Amino acid sequence: MKMLDWSRWLPKSVECMKGYNDKVFAADLTSGLTVGLVALPLAMAFGISSGVTPQAGIYTAVIAGFLISALGGSKTQIGGPTGAFVVVIASIIAKHGLSGLLMVTMMAGIILLFLGLTGLGNAVKFIPRPVIIGFTNGIAVLIASTQIKDFLGITNIGQVPGEFYERMVLIFSNIGKTDLTTVVLALTSLLVMIVIPRFTKRIPGSIVALTASTICVAMFNIPVETIGSRFGGIPTGLPEMQLPLLRMDLVMPLLPSAVTVALLAAIESLLSAVVADSMSGDRHNSNVELIAQGIANLTVPLFGGIPVTGAIARTATNIRSGARTPVSGMIHAVTLLCIILFAAKLAAFIPLATLSAVLFIVAYNMGEWREIKTIVRLERKEITVWLITFMLTVAADLTIAVEVGMTLAALLYIYQVSRTTVVAPLTVEAMEQGKTHIVQDYIIPPYVSIFHIQGPFLFGAAEKLNQLDTDVDTLGPIVVLRLRYMTAIDATGLYAIEQFYERLHAAGKHLILCGSRGQAKRLIYTSALPRIIGARNILPNIRAALSRAESIQERFGGIGDEFAEDLAVAPG
């Protein structure tokens, strides 16, 4: 029993050593080298845009990347600096300096360790989707706004304000100082990063743009600002380990920022781990992952590093490149280490315009812009939560946006739950209508698996649908999800059903929804679900669902794609 208890805390790197062989290592080596090259421009760009040096970004990627892969709860997760922290870091440095940032990072590490060791990391799942989308939309806008200056080559305008409005006013008041050469280089880099993926997924567009622009600047002495001209290049090797200055009088003032960093790290790392699971077929350990994130955030400040978390884009690149185990993530860190040990001098020629173009792509990709279409189909209350979170993230402060967004989400949850209580007369007509929903009156064929959702399917509870992940292969070819006793749903619940459908579809199985009513029915029909799973597969009761299942079984053997006939949206 003791061994079983300890097994819950084993990192994936230890689990994966069983059966590890040369073939697996070859796959990990290829993917590790690839993602290491992808991480190089991102690490430098995140360091610069956060208000620290480019080498601080690389040191962070090396140390955190190795620790998160070695100690984490995901087979293919890649850790390092990400865009989510850029605005928070810049704000902390502006108020408390670099020493304040190092303290915040270590405090966030302690919080993450606490969340992982106590199992409270699961509380992150209680953050509703409109709030998460509001954060990511707002952060993406802020990241893009911080790169306009370097993208346009505007110099000699003094310290750029940390606030969005003041920053935009300063940039547009100096728009006449735009450098045409820099703009051409930045636009060319941007175009390369957009076009390359259309032809090949194997060569990252950012690497092509970075390499080409650096060679051109070095060979033709193009007069644009570079890492060398602004920072004096990147020093060779790692910095000395040094304990940051810890000031007890700053602990309480820095606590809100530390909580914000910890929450962002937890949210993004677990979201990235979920993405990795869906791509690789693995199932991550949330608590072990948060412990690794905590250790990494406690360690990187000792080397002048910045906050870290799981990086969704780099994790996806790692998996697409063939990663099989956490060894790939460790190789990615070693690749970056080799670059700063043996090729650091070449980094002096990297143009800042290209790095700003890289971050424009990052801002676009992390913005979750397609989700806005889903959000605006929801009820006005959820739209309001998303809009307020987005506007506060951009116009005010991310810490305030987190606090207000979570408060609004809690109030919305209370309101939604209160609406699920209904007092109504039991009539003969209602009893007759209810007969079509009684499962016991029907014979369930062996090719059908039925599940039901009971109670409000809101954020927090929506995670329970993911518990069927490990059972997908054991389910029948047709899965019926009964919603008769689901009293309410929100954006997070809709997203959970959509993700459940994607997992079933990937396994060659079919999903049918039936029995929704009231608020849940209205929201389902105004959402994207009818388009995604097919309107023919959203039915009023179990009788119609079983009839539909029989039709699918007869025509497609239970497995097949009759998606084209389902595009018409059923009346709500």
Protein backbone atom coordinates (compact mmCIF):
# COMPACT_ATOMS: atom_id res chain seq x y z
CA MET A 1 0.00 0.00 0.00
CA LYS A 2 2.90 2.30 0.79
CA MET A 3 4.31 1.79 -2.70
CA LEU A 4 0.94 2.68 -4.21
CA ASP A 5 0.89 5.94 -2.26
CA TRP A 6 4.39 6.88 -3.45
CA SER A 7 3.57 5.98 -7.05
CA ARG A 8 1.13 8.92 -7.21
CA TRP A 9 4.09 11.31 -6.87
CA LEU A 10 6.47 9.71 -9.36
CA PRO A 11 7.50 12.00 -12.25
CA LYS A 12 6.68 10.76 -15.74
CA SER A 13 10.42 10.65 -16.52
CA VAL A 14 10.81 7.82 -13.98
CA GLU A 15 7.76 5.94 -15.28
CA CYS A 16 8.97 6.20 -18.89
CA MET A 17 12.34 4.61 -18.17
CA LYS A 18 10.67 1.20 -18.16
CA GLY A 19 11.14 -0.20 -21.67
CA TYR A 20 13.17 2.81 -22.84
CA ASN A 21 15.33 1.86 -25.84
CA ASP A 22 17.41 3.25 -28.71
CA LYS A 23 14.39 3.71 -30.99
CA VAL A 24 12.57 5.83 -28.40
CA PHE A 25 15.73 7.84 -27.73
CA ALA A 26 16.17 8.56 -31.45
CA ALA A 27 12.62 9.96 -31.58
CA ASP A 28 13.24 12.03 -28.42
CA LEU A 29 16.55 13.32 -29.80
CA THR A 30 14.98 14.56 -33.04
CA SER A 31 12.07 16.26 -31.31
CA GLY A 32 14.29 17.72 -28.56
CA LEU A 33 16.66 19.32 -31.08
CA THR A 34 13.71 20.69 -33.07
CA VAL A 35 11.87 22.24 -30.15
CA GLY A 36 15.17 23.58 -28.76
CA LEU A 37 15.69 25.58 -31.95
CA VAL A 38 12.05 26.77 -31.84
CA ALA A 39 12.46 27.86 -28.22
CA LEU A 40 15.56 30.01 -28.90
CA PRO A 41 13.89 33.07 -30.50
CA LEU A 42 10.89 32.79 -28.18
CA ALA A 43 13.04 32.72 -25.04
CA MET A 44 14.98 35.82 -26.16
CA ALA A 45 11.83 37.63 -27.26
CA PHE A 46 10.01 36.93 -23.97
CA GLY A 47 13.06 38.11 -22.02
CA ILE A 48 13.33 41.39 -23.94
CA SER A 49 9.58 42.16 -23.90
CA SER A 50 9.43 41.42 -20.16
CA GLY A 51 11.98 44.14 -19.47
CA VAL A 52 14.97 41.87 -18.74
CA THR A 53 17.86 40.77 -20.95
CA PRO A 54 17.59 38.19 -23.76
CA GLN A 55 20.02 35.90 -21.93
CA ALA A 56 17.68 35.88 -18.90
CA GLY A 57 15.01 34.39 -21.16
CA ILE A 58 17.41 31.73 -22.45
CA TYR A 59 18.73 30.86 -18.96
CA THR A 60 15.12 30.45 -17.85
CA ALA A 61 14.31 28.14 -20.77
CA VAL A 62 17.39 26.00 -20.09
CA ILE A 63 16.92 25.53 -16.34
CA ALA A 64 13.13 25.40 -16.20
CA GLY A 65 12.88 23.34 -19.38
CA PHE A 66 15.11 20.64 -17.89
CA LEU A 67 13.49 20.62 -14.43
CA ILE A 68 9.88 20.57 -15.67
CA SER A 69 10.60 17.68 -18.04
CA ALA A 70 12.62 15.75 -15.44
CA LEU A 71 10.21 16.23 -12.52
CA GLY A 72 6.83 16.90 -14.17
CA GLY A 73 3.66 14.89 -14.56
CA SER A 74 3.41 15.02 -18.37
CA LYS A 75 5.36 12.93 -20.89
CA THR A 76 5.69 15.64 -23.51
CA GLN A 77 5.20 18.99 -21.73
CA ILE A 78 7.80 21.67 -22.53
CA GLY A 79 8.33 24.31 -19.85
CA GLY A 80 9.84 27.77 -20.08
CA PRO A 81 9.01 31.48 -20.27
CA THR A 82 5.73 32.27 -22.02
CA GLY A 83 3.77 35.25 -23.24
CA ALA A 84 1.29 35.00 -20.37
CA PHE A 85 3.86 36.51 -17.98
CA VAL A 86 5.21 39.31 -20.16
CA VAL A 87 2.86 42.04 -18.91
CA VAL A 88 2.97 40.94 -15.26
CA ILE A 89 6.79 40.80 -15.25
CA ALA A 90 7.13 44.22 -16.86
CA SER A 91 4.73 45.70 -14.29
CA ILE A 92 6.59 44.14 -11.34
CA ILE A 93 9.97 45.34 -12.60
CA ALA A 94 8.59 48.86 -13.12
CA LYS A 95 7.34 49.00 -9.51
CA HIS A 96 9.86 46.93 -7.55
CA GLY A 97 12.85 46.36 -9.81
CA LEU A 98 14.53 43.08 -10.74
CA SER A 99 14.93 42.02 -7.09
CA GLY A 100 11.16 42.33 -6.65
CA LEU A 101 10.58 40.13 -9.69
CA LEU A 102 12.93 37.44 -8.36
CA MET A 103 11.05 37.48 -5.04
CA VAL A 104 7.68 37.20 -6.79
CA THR A 105 8.93 34.25 -8.85
CA MET A 106 10.12 32.40 -5.75
CA MET A 107 6.90 33.17 -3.86
CA ALA A 108 4.89 31.88 -6.84
CA GLY A 109 7.03 28.73 -6.76
CA ILE A 110 6.13 28.16 -3.11
CA ILE A 111 2.42 28.64 -3.89
CA LEU A 112 2.62 26.16 -6.79
CA LEU A 113 4.38 23.62 -4.55
CA PHE A 114 1.61 24.04 -1.98
CA LEU A 115 -1.09 23.57 -4.66
CA GLY A 116 0.58 20.41 -5.94
CA LEU A 117 1.38 18.82 -2.56
CA THR A 118 -2.11 19.45 -1.15
CA GLY A 119 -3.97 18.47 -4.31
CA LEU A 120 -5.48 21.97 -4.52
CA GLY A 121 -4.20 22.25 -8.08
CA ASN A 122 -7.58 20.85 -9.10
CA ALA A 123 -9.09 24.16 -7.96
CA VAL A 124 -7.69 25.68 -11.15
CA LYS A 125 -10.41 23.74 -12.99
CA PHE A 126 -13.00 25.96 -11.29
CA ILE A 127 -11.98 28.98 -13.36
CA PRO A 128 -14.72 29.39 -16.01
CA ARG A 129 -13.95 29.55 -19.71
CA PRO A 130 -15.10 33.21 -20.26
CA VAL A 131 -12.59 34.33 -17.62
CA ILE A 132 -9.73 32.28 -19.17
CA ILE A 133 -10.58 33.56 -22.68
CA GLY A 134 -10.78 37.13 -21.35
CA PHE A 135 -7.28 36.76 -19.85
CA THR A 136 -5.74 35.27 -22.98
CA ASN A 137 -7.39 37.81 -25.30
CA GLY A 138 -6.20 40.67 -23.12
CA ILE A 139 -2.66 39.34 -22.68
CA ALA A 140 -2.36 38.81 -26.44
CA VAL A 141 -3.36 42.43 -27.11
CA LEU A 142 -0.87 43.66 -24.51
CA ILE A 143 1.99 41.55 -25.92
CA ALA A 144 1.30 42.87 -29.42
CA SER A 145 1.19 46.46 -28.14
CA THR A 146 4.62 46.10 -26.50
CA GLN A 147 6.16 45.05 -29.83
CA ILE A 148 4.93 47.95 -31.99
CA LYS A 149 7.91 50.13 -31.06
CA ASP A 150 10.55 47.60 -32.18
CA PHE A 151 8.47 46.49 -35.17
CA LEU A 152 8.44 50.08 -36.47
CA GLY A 153 12.02 50.83 -35.43
CA ILE A 154 11.03 53.82 -33.27
CA THR A 155 13.97 54.84 -31.06
CA ASN A 156 14.96 57.66 -28.70
CA ILE A 157 11.53 58.10 -27.11
CA GLY A 158 12.58 57.32 -23.54
CA GLN A 159 11.01 54.80 -21.20
CA VAL A 160 7.89 53.20 -22.66
CA PRO A 161 5.00 53.28 -20.11
CA GLY A 162 3.72 50.01 -18.69
CA GLU A 163 0.06 51.03 -19.06
CA PHE A 164 -1.63 50.22 -22.35
CA TYR A 165 -3.24 53.61 -22.98
CA GLU A 166 -0.13 55.67 -22.16
CA ARG A 167 2.03 53.30 -24.21
CA MET A 168 -0.17 53.64 -27.29
CA VAL A 169 -0.32 57.44 -26.94
CA LEU A 170 3.50 57.64 -26.76
CA ILE A 171 4.00 55.35 -29.78
CA PHE A 172 1.48 57.12 -32.00
CA SER A 173 2.77 60.55 -31.02
CA ASN A 174 6.21 59.40 -32.28
CA ILE A 175 4.96 57.54 -35.35
CA GLY A 176 6.93 59.97 -37.52
CA LYS A 177 10.16 58.40 -36.22
CA THR A 178 9.34 55.08 -37.92
CA ASP A 179 12.39 53.53 -39.63
CA LEU A 180 11.49 52.18 -43.09
CA THR A 181 14.35 49.65 -43.17
CA THR A 182 13.24 48.15 -39.86
CA VAL A 183 9.60 47.94 -41.01
CA VAL A 184 10.59 46.15 -44.23
CA LEU A 185 12.72 43.65 -42.27
CA ALA A 186 9.94 43.09 -39.70
CA LEU A 187 7.25 42.61 -42.37
CA THR A 188 9.47 40.23 -44.32
CA SER A 189 10.11 38.19 -41.17
CA LEU A 190 6.38 38.14 -40.42
CA LEU A 191 5.58 37.01 -43.96
CA VAL A 192 8.16 34.20 -43.77
CA MET A 193 6.62 32.91 -40.52
CA ILE A 194 3.14 32.95 -42.06
CA VAL A 195 4.12 31.34 -45.38
CA ILE A 196 6.59 28.62 -44.27
CA PRO A 197 3.99 26.53 -42.33
CA ARG A 198 1.82 26.40 -45.46
CA PHE A 199 4.57 24.47 -47.26
CA THR A 200 6.14 22.42 -44.47
CA LYS A 201 5.47 21.72 -40.79
CA ARG A 202 8.90 20.24 -40.22
CA ILE A 203 10.84 23.52 -40.42
CA PRO A 204 9.62 26.20 -37.97
CA GLY A 205 8.98 29.53 -39.67
CA SER A 206 10.49 31.44 -36.74
CA ILE A 207 13.83 29.64 -37.19
CA VAL A 208 13.87 30.41 -40.93
CA ALA A 209 13.04 34.09 -40.31
CA LEU A 210 15.54 34.41 -37.46
CA THR A 211 18.38 32.73 -39.37
CA ALA A 212 17.77 34.60 -42.64
CA SER A 213 17.41 38.03 -41.02
CA THR A 214 20.48 37.53 -38.81
CA ILE A 215 22.64 36.48 -41.79
CA CYS A 216 21.42 39.47 -43.85
CA VAL A 217 22.09 41.94 -41.02
CA ALA A 218 25.58 40.51 -40.41
CA MET A 219 26.62 40.22 -44.09
CA PHE A 220 25.17 43.47 -45.44
CA ASN A 221 25.52 45.56 -42.28
CA ILE A 222 21.84 46.57 -42.41
CA PRO A 223 21.32 49.58 -40.10
CA VAL A 224 18.70 48.17 -37.70
CA GLU A 225 18.71 47.72 -33.94
CA THR A 226 20.04 44.31 -32.85
CA ILE A 227 20.62 42.41 -29.61
CA GLY A 228 24.25 43.51 -29.83
CA SER A 229 23.46 47.22 -30.25
CA ARG A 230 20.94 47.29 -27.39
CA PHE A 231 22.27 44.69 -24.93
CA GLY A 232 25.88 44.21 -26.01
CA GLY A 233 25.22 40.62 -27.10
CA ILE A 234 24.70 37.49 -25.02
CA PRO A 235 27.44 36.33 -22.65
CA THR A 236 28.81 32.81 -23.15
CA GLY A 237 27.86 30.20 -20.54
CA LEU A 238 25.47 30.24 -17.60
CA PRO A 239 25.51 32.93 -14.91
CA GLU A 240 26.77 32.20 -11.43
CA MET A 241 24.24 30.96 -8.93
CA GLN A 242 23.33 33.81 -6.59
CA LEU A 243 20.67 34.04 -3.88
CA PRO A 244 18.32 36.98 -4.64
CA LEU A 245 17.95 39.80 -2.13
CA LEU A 246 14.96 38.82 0.01
CA ARG A 247 13.18 41.73 1.71
CA MET A 248 10.53 40.72 4.24
CA ASP A 249 8.92 44.17 4.06
CA LEU A 250 8.00 43.46 0.40
CA VAL A 251 6.35 40.08 1.01
CA MET A 252 2.83 41.42 1.58
CA PRO A 253 2.97 44.11 -1.19
CA LEU A 254 4.23 41.46 -3.64
CA LEU A 255 1.79 38.73 -2.56
CA PRO A 256 -1.02 39.69 -5.02
CA SER A 257 1.48 39.60 -7.91
CA ALA A 258 2.85 36.25 -6.69
CA VAL A 259 -0.68 34.79 -6.55
CA THR A 260 -1.35 36.07 -10.08
CA VAL A 261 1.89 34.52 -11.40
CA ALA A 262 1.12 31.22 -9.62
CA LEU A 263 -2.44 31.11 -10.98
CA LEU A 264 -1.28 31.89 -14.51
CA ALA A 265 1.46 29.25 -14.25
CA ALA A 266 -1.01 26.66 -12.95
CA ILE A 267 -3.68 27.47 -15.54
CA GLU A 268 -1.35 27.52 -18.54
CA SER A 269 0.68 24.47 -17.49
CA LEU A 270 -2.42 22.34 -16.91
CA LEU A 271 -4.06 23.57 -20.12
CA SER A 272 -0.86 22.72 -21.98
CA ALA A 273 -0.79 19.28 -20.32
CA VAL A 274 -4.40 18.66 -21.41
CA VAL A 275 -3.48 19.63 -25.00
CA ALA A 276 -0.50 17.26 -24.79
CA ASP A 277 -2.77 14.46 -23.55
CA SER A 278 -5.17 14.91 -26.46
CA MET A 279 -2.30 14.88 -28.98
CA SER A 280 -0.26 12.04 -27.49
CA GLY A 281 -2.90 9.81 -25.91
CA ASP A 282 -1.24 10.13 -22.49
CA ARG A 283 -2.86 11.23 -19.20
CA HIS A 284 -0.90 13.72 -17.12
CA ASN A 285 -0.65 13.92 -13.31
CA SER A 286 -1.79 17.43 -12.35
CA ASN A 287 -0.31 17.50 -8.85
CA VAL A 288 3.12 16.20 -9.92
CA GLU A 289 3.11 18.75 -12.76
CA LEU A 290 2.40 21.63 -10.37
CA ILE A 291 5.15 20.44 -8.00
CA ALA A 292 7.62 20.52 -10.92
CA GLN A 293 6.40 24.00 -11.88
CA GLY A 294 6.91 25.11 -8.28
CA ILE A 295 10.47 23.73 -8.12
CA ALA A 296 11.32 25.37 -11.45
CA ASN A 297 9.99 28.77 -10.30
CA LEU A 298 11.94 28.46 -7.06
CA THR A 299 15.15 27.63 -8.96
CA VAL A 300 15.27 30.03 -11.92
CA PRO A 301 15.58 33.21 -9.77
CA LEU A 302 18.88 31.82 -8.45
CA PHE A 303 20.22 32.32 -12.00
CA GLY A 304 18.46 35.62 -12.76
CA GLY A 305 15.54 33.90 -14.52
CA ILE A 306 11.89 34.88 -14.91
CA PRO A 307 8.60 33.02 -14.14
CA VAL A 308 7.89 29.83 -16.11
CA THR A 309 5.03 27.52 -16.99
CA GLY A 310 4.08 24.92 -19.57
CA ALA A 311 4.31 26.29 -23.12
CA ILE A 312 1.44 25.11 -25.31
CA ALA A 313 3.01 25.94 -28.70
CA ARG A 314 6.39 24.37 -27.85
CA THR A 315 4.66 21.33 -26.35
CA ALA A 316 2.64 20.86 -29.55
CA THR A 317 5.82 21.23 -31.63
CA ASN A 318 7.51 18.64 -29.41
CA ILE A 319 4.74 16.09 -29.97
CA ARG A 320 4.47 16.75 -33.72
CA SER A 321 8.23 16.22 -33.97
CA GLY A 322 7.87 12.71 -32.55
CA ALA A 323 8.53 13.11 -28.80
CA ARG A 324 7.85 9.95 -26.81
CA THR A 325 9.06 10.73 -23.27
CA PRO A 326 10.25 13.64 -21.05
CA VAL A 327 13.78 12.97 -22.29
CA SER A 328 12.83 15.08 -25.33
CA GLY A 329 12.19 18.10 -23.09
CA MET A 330 15.52 17.61 -21.35
CA ILE A 331 17.28 17.43 -24.73
CA HIS A 332 15.53 20.69 -25.71
CA ALA A 333 17.10 22.33 -22.64
CA VAL A 334 20.54 20.91 -23.42
CA THR A 335 20.22 22.17 -27.02
CA LEU A 336 19.65 25.71 -25.75
CA LEU A 337 22.58 25.33 -23.35
CA CYS A 338 24.88 24.29 -26.22
CA ILE A 339 23.77 27.32 -28.24
CA ILE A 340 24.70 29.78 -25.48
CA LEU A 341 27.96 27.92 -24.81
CA PHE A 342 29.18 27.73 -28.40
CA ALA A 343 27.18 30.19 -30.54
CA ALA A 344 26.33 33.06 -28.19
CA LYS A 345 28.46 35.56 -30.16
CA LEU A 346 26.30 35.09 -33.26
CA ALA A 347 23.24 36.25 -31.30
CA ALA A 348 24.58 39.82 -31.31
CA PHE A 349 23.41 40.17 -34.94
CA ILE A 350 19.82 39.09 -34.29
CA PRO A 351 17.56 42.03 -35.25
CA LEU A 352 14.98 43.11 -32.68
CA ALA A 353 12.51 43.68 -35.53
CA THR A 354 12.47 39.92 -36.22
CA LEU A 355 11.95 39.11 -32.55
CA SER A 356 9.03 41.57 -32.47
CA ALA A 357 7.56 39.77 -35.50
CA VAL A 358 7.95 36.46 -33.63
CA LEU A 359 5.96 37.87 -30.72
CA PHE A 360 3.23 39.18 -33.04
CA ILE A 361 2.76 35.57 -34.20
CA VAL A 362 2.81 34.40 -30.57
CA ALA A 363 0.18 37.00 -29.63
CA TYR A 364 -2.06 35.91 -32.49
CA ASN A 365 -1.71 32.20 -31.73
CA MET A 366 -2.26 32.51 -27.97
CA GLY A 367 -5.19 34.92 -28.30
CA GLU A 368 -7.89 32.23 -28.65
CA TRP A 369 -9.63 34.59 -31.09
CA ARG A 370 -11.85 31.86 -32.53
CA GLU A 371 -13.33 31.35 -29.07
CA ILE A 372 -14.86 34.84 -29.16
CA LYS A 373 -17.39 33.58 -31.70
CA THR A 374 -18.47 30.96 -29.16
CA ILE A 375 -18.54 33.42 -26.25
CA VAL A 376 -20.85 35.91 -27.99
CA ARG A 377 -23.41 33.14 -28.53
CA LEU A 378 -23.75 32.69 -24.77
CA GLU A 379 -26.05 34.48 -22.35
CA ARG A 380 -25.40 38.15 -21.72
CA LYS A 381 -24.12 37.49 -18.19
CA GLU A 382 -21.28 35.27 -19.44
CA ILE A 383 -20.50 37.70 -22.25
CA THR A 384 -20.24 40.43 -19.62
CA VAL A 385 -17.80 38.37 -17.51
CA TRP A 386 -15.60 37.80 -20.58
CA LEU A 387 -15.74 41.46 -21.67
CA ILE A 388 -14.97 42.88 -18.22
CA THR A 389 -12.07 40.44 -17.74
CA PHE A 390 -10.69 41.32 -21.18
CA MET A 391 -11.01 45.10 -20.69
CA LEU A 392 -9.48 45.04 -17.20
CA THR A 393 -6.58 42.91 -18.43
CA VAL A 394 -5.82 45.45 -21.17
CA ALA A 395 -6.70 48.75 -19.51
CA ALA A 396 -6.02 48.15 -15.82
CA ASP A 397 -3.86 45.41 -14.35
CA LEU A 398 -3.78 41.64 -14.69
CA THR A 399 -3.96 41.16 -10.92
CA ILE A 400 -7.13 43.26 -10.77
CA ALA A 401 -8.52 41.40 -13.80
CA VAL A 402 -7.94 38.04 -12.05
CA GLU A 403 -9.63 39.22 -8.84
CA VAL A 404 -12.63 40.83 -10.56
CA GLY A 405 -13.01 38.01 -13.09
CA MET A 406 -13.06 35.36 -10.37
CA THR A 407 -15.50 37.37 -8.26
CA LEU A 408 -17.86 37.80 -11.20
CA ALA A 409 -17.51 34.10 -12.03
CA ALA A 410 -18.43 33.14 -8.44
CA LEU A 411 -21.49 35.40 -8.52
CA LEU A 412 -22.49 33.98 -11.88
CA TYR A 413 -22.12 30.44 -10.53
CA ILE A 414 -24.39 31.25 -7.57
CA TYR A 415 -26.95 32.79 -9.92
CA GLN A 416 -26.86 29.81 -12.31
CA VAL A 417 -27.27 27.31 -9.47
CA SER A 418 -30.17 29.29 -7.98
CA ARG A 419 -31.97 29.05 -11.33
CA THR A 420 -31.84 25.25 -11.24
CA THR A 421 -34.44 25.10 -8.45
CA VAL A 422 -37.89 24.74 -10.01
CA VAL A 423 -41.30 24.38 -8.38
CA ALA A 424 -43.97 23.21 -10.88
CA PRO A 425 -47.23 21.22 -10.80
CA LEU A 426 -47.15 17.58 -11.89
CA THR A 427 -49.76 17.28 -14.63
CA VAL A 428 -51.02 14.34 -16.68
CA GLU A 429 -49.46 15.90 -19.78
CA ALA A 430 -46.07 16.20 -18.06
CA MET A 431 -46.26 12.55 -16.97
CA GLU A 432 -47.00 11.43 -20.54
CA GLN A 433 -44.11 13.50 -21.91
CA GLY A 434 -41.82 12.04 -19.28
CA LYS A 435 -42.36 8.49 -20.56
CA THR A 436 -40.22 9.21 -23.64
CA HIS A 437 -37.27 9.92 -21.33
CA ILE A 438 -37.43 6.73 -19.20
CA VAL A 439 -34.48 4.54 -20.18
CA GLN A 440 -35.88 1.46 -18.44
CA ASP A 441 -38.66 1.22 -21.04
CA TYR A 442 -36.20 0.61 -23.87
CA ILE A 443 -33.77 -2.15 -24.80
CA ILE A 444 -30.25 -0.72 -25.03
CA PRO A 445 -28.41 -2.34 -27.97
CA PRO A 446 -24.83 -3.55 -27.34
CA TYR A 447 -23.34 -0.98 -29.74
CA VAL A 448 -24.65 1.93 -27.60
CA SER A 449 -23.10 3.32 -24.39
CA ILE A 450 -25.28 5.72 -22.40
CA PHE A 451 -24.16 8.32 -19.86
CA HIS A 452 -26.20 11.00 -18.16
CA ILE A 453 -25.37 14.37 -16.66
CA GLN A 454 -27.32 15.26 -13.53
CA GLY A 455 -27.41 18.72 -11.98
CA PRO A 456 -25.78 21.97 -13.17
CA PHE A 457 -22.97 21.32 -15.67
CA LEU A 458 -20.99 24.48 -14.94
CA PHE A 459 -17.27 25.27 -14.59
CA GLY A 460 -15.66 22.97 -12.03
CA ALA A 461 -18.26 20.22 -12.56
CA ALA A 462 -17.54 20.16 -16.31
CA GLU A 463 -14.18 18.51 -15.60
CA LYS A 464 -16.02 15.30 -14.62
CA LEU A 465 -16.66 14.51 -18.27
CA ASN A 466 -12.90 14.19 -18.77
CA GLN A 467 -12.91 11.22 -16.39
CA LEU A 468 -14.20 9.14 -19.32
CA ASP A 469 -10.87 9.76 -21.15
CA THR A 470 -9.34 6.47 -20.11
CA ASP A 471 -12.52 4.56 -20.97
CA VAL A 472 -13.01 5.81 -24.55
CA ASP A 473 -11.66 2.60 -26.08
CA THR A 474 -14.04 0.50 -24.01
CA LEU A 475 -17.15 2.44 -25.07
CA GLY A 476 -19.55 1.31 -27.76
CA PRO A 477 -19.24 2.79 -31.26
CA ILE A 478 -22.20 5.09 -30.45
CA VAL A 479 -22.26 7.11 -27.21
CA VAL A 480 -25.47 8.75 -25.99
CA LEU A 481 -25.17 11.60 -23.50
CA ARG A 482 -28.50 12.11 -21.70
CA LEU A 483 -29.07 15.71 -20.60
CA ARG A 484 -32.61 15.29 -19.22
CA TYR A 485 -31.50 15.99 -15.66
CA MET A 486 -28.86 18.58 -16.53
CA THR A 487 -30.35 21.71 -14.98
CA ALA A 488 -27.95 24.33 -16.38
CA ILE A 489 -24.85 24.69 -18.55
CA ASP A 490 -22.26 27.39 -19.22
CA ALA A 491 -19.37 28.01 -21.63
CA THR A 492 -17.07 25.64 -19.75
CA GLY A 493 -19.69 22.88 -19.89
CA LEU A 494 -20.22 23.41 -23.63
CA TYR A 495 -16.47 23.29 -24.17
CA ALA A 496 -16.23 20.03 -22.16
CA ILE A 497 -18.88 18.39 -24.38
CA GLU A 498 -17.08 19.65 -27.48
CA GLN A 499 -13.79 18.17 -26.22
CA PHE A 500 -15.54 14.89 -25.38
CA TYR A 501 -16.87 14.75 -28.94
CA GLU A 502 -13.37 15.38 -30.33
CA ARG A 503 -11.95 12.47 -28.30
CA LEU A 504 -14.74 10.16 -29.44
CA HIS A 505 -14.41 11.28 -33.06
CA ALA A 506 -10.65 10.64 -32.97
CA ALA A 507 -11.40 7.12 -31.73
CA GLY A 508 -13.87 6.54 -34.59
CA LYS A 509 -16.94 6.77 -32.36
CA HIS A 510 -20.17 8.76 -32.58
CA LEU A 511 -21.82 11.13 -30.06
CA ILE A 512 -25.56 11.77 -29.64
CA LEU A 513 -27.04 14.29 -27.18
CA CYS A 514 -30.60 13.96 -25.99
CA GLY A 515 -33.14 15.35 -23.55
CA SER A 516 -31.81 18.89 -22.94
CA ARG A 517 -34.36 21.41 -21.76
CA GLY A 518 -34.77 24.95 -20.46
CA GLN A 519 -31.64 27.09 -20.22
CA ALA A 520 -29.39 24.19 -21.27
CA LYS A 521 -31.39 23.56 -24.45
CA ARG A 522 -31.39 27.24 -25.44
CA LEU A 523 -27.65 27.58 -24.91
CA ILE A 524 -26.80 24.35 -26.74
CA TYR A 525 -28.72 25.42 -29.83
CA THR A 526 -27.19 28.91 -29.87
CA SER A 527 -23.67 27.48 -29.41
CA ALA A 528 -21.40 25.84 -31.98
CA LEU A 529 -22.37 22.31 -30.88
CA PRO A 530 -25.05 21.76 -33.59
CA ARG A 531 -22.43 22.59 -36.21
CA ILE A 532 -19.66 20.56 -34.57
CA ILE A 533 -21.46 17.31 -33.73
CA GLY A 534 -24.28 17.68 -36.27
CA ALA A 535 -27.80 18.94 -35.56
CA ARG A 536 -29.27 15.50 -36.36
CA ASN A 537 -27.41 14.19 -33.34
CA ILE A 538 -29.08 16.56 -30.84
CA LEU A 539 -32.44 14.99 -30.05
CA PRO A 540 -35.36 15.65 -27.67
CA ASN A 541 -35.48 12.33 -25.78
CA ILE A 542 -33.94 8.86 -25.35
CA ARG A 543 -36.47 7.27 -27.73
CA ALA A 544 -35.31 9.53 -30.59
CA ALA A 545 -31.67 9.02 -29.60
CA LEU A 546 -31.92 5.23 -29.77
CA SER A 547 -33.74 5.48 -33.10
CA ARG A 548 -30.93 7.69 -34.41
CA ALA A 549 -28.32 5.24 -33.09
CA GLU A 550 -30.06 2.37 -34.89
CA SER A 551 -30.06 4.38 -38.13
CA ILE A 552 -26.33 5.12 -37.81
CA GLN A 553 -25.57 1.48 -37.01
CA GLU A 554 -27.50 0.25 -40.05
CA ARG A 555 -25.98 2.76 -42.48
CA PHE A 556 -22.43 3.06 -41.19
CA GLY A 557 -21.90 0.11 -38.90
CA GLY A 558 -21.78 2.56 -35.99
CA ILE A 559 -18.50 3.97 -37.29
CA GLY A 560 -18.20 6.35 -40.16
CA ASP A 561 -18.52 9.91 -41.20
CA GLU A 562 -22.03 11.02 -41.98
CA PHE A 563 -21.03 14.49 -40.79
CA ALA A 564 -21.94 16.17 -44.07
CA GLU A 565 -25.64 15.49 -43.60
CA ASP A 566 -25.56 17.02 -40.12
CA LEU A 567 -24.57 20.55 -41.00
CA ALA A 568 -28.10 21.94 -40.97
CA VAL A 569 -28.86 23.47 -37.58
CA ALA A 570 -31.96 22.08 -35.92
CA PRO A 571 -34.52 24.54 -34.57
CA GLY A 572 -33.95 25.46 -30.96
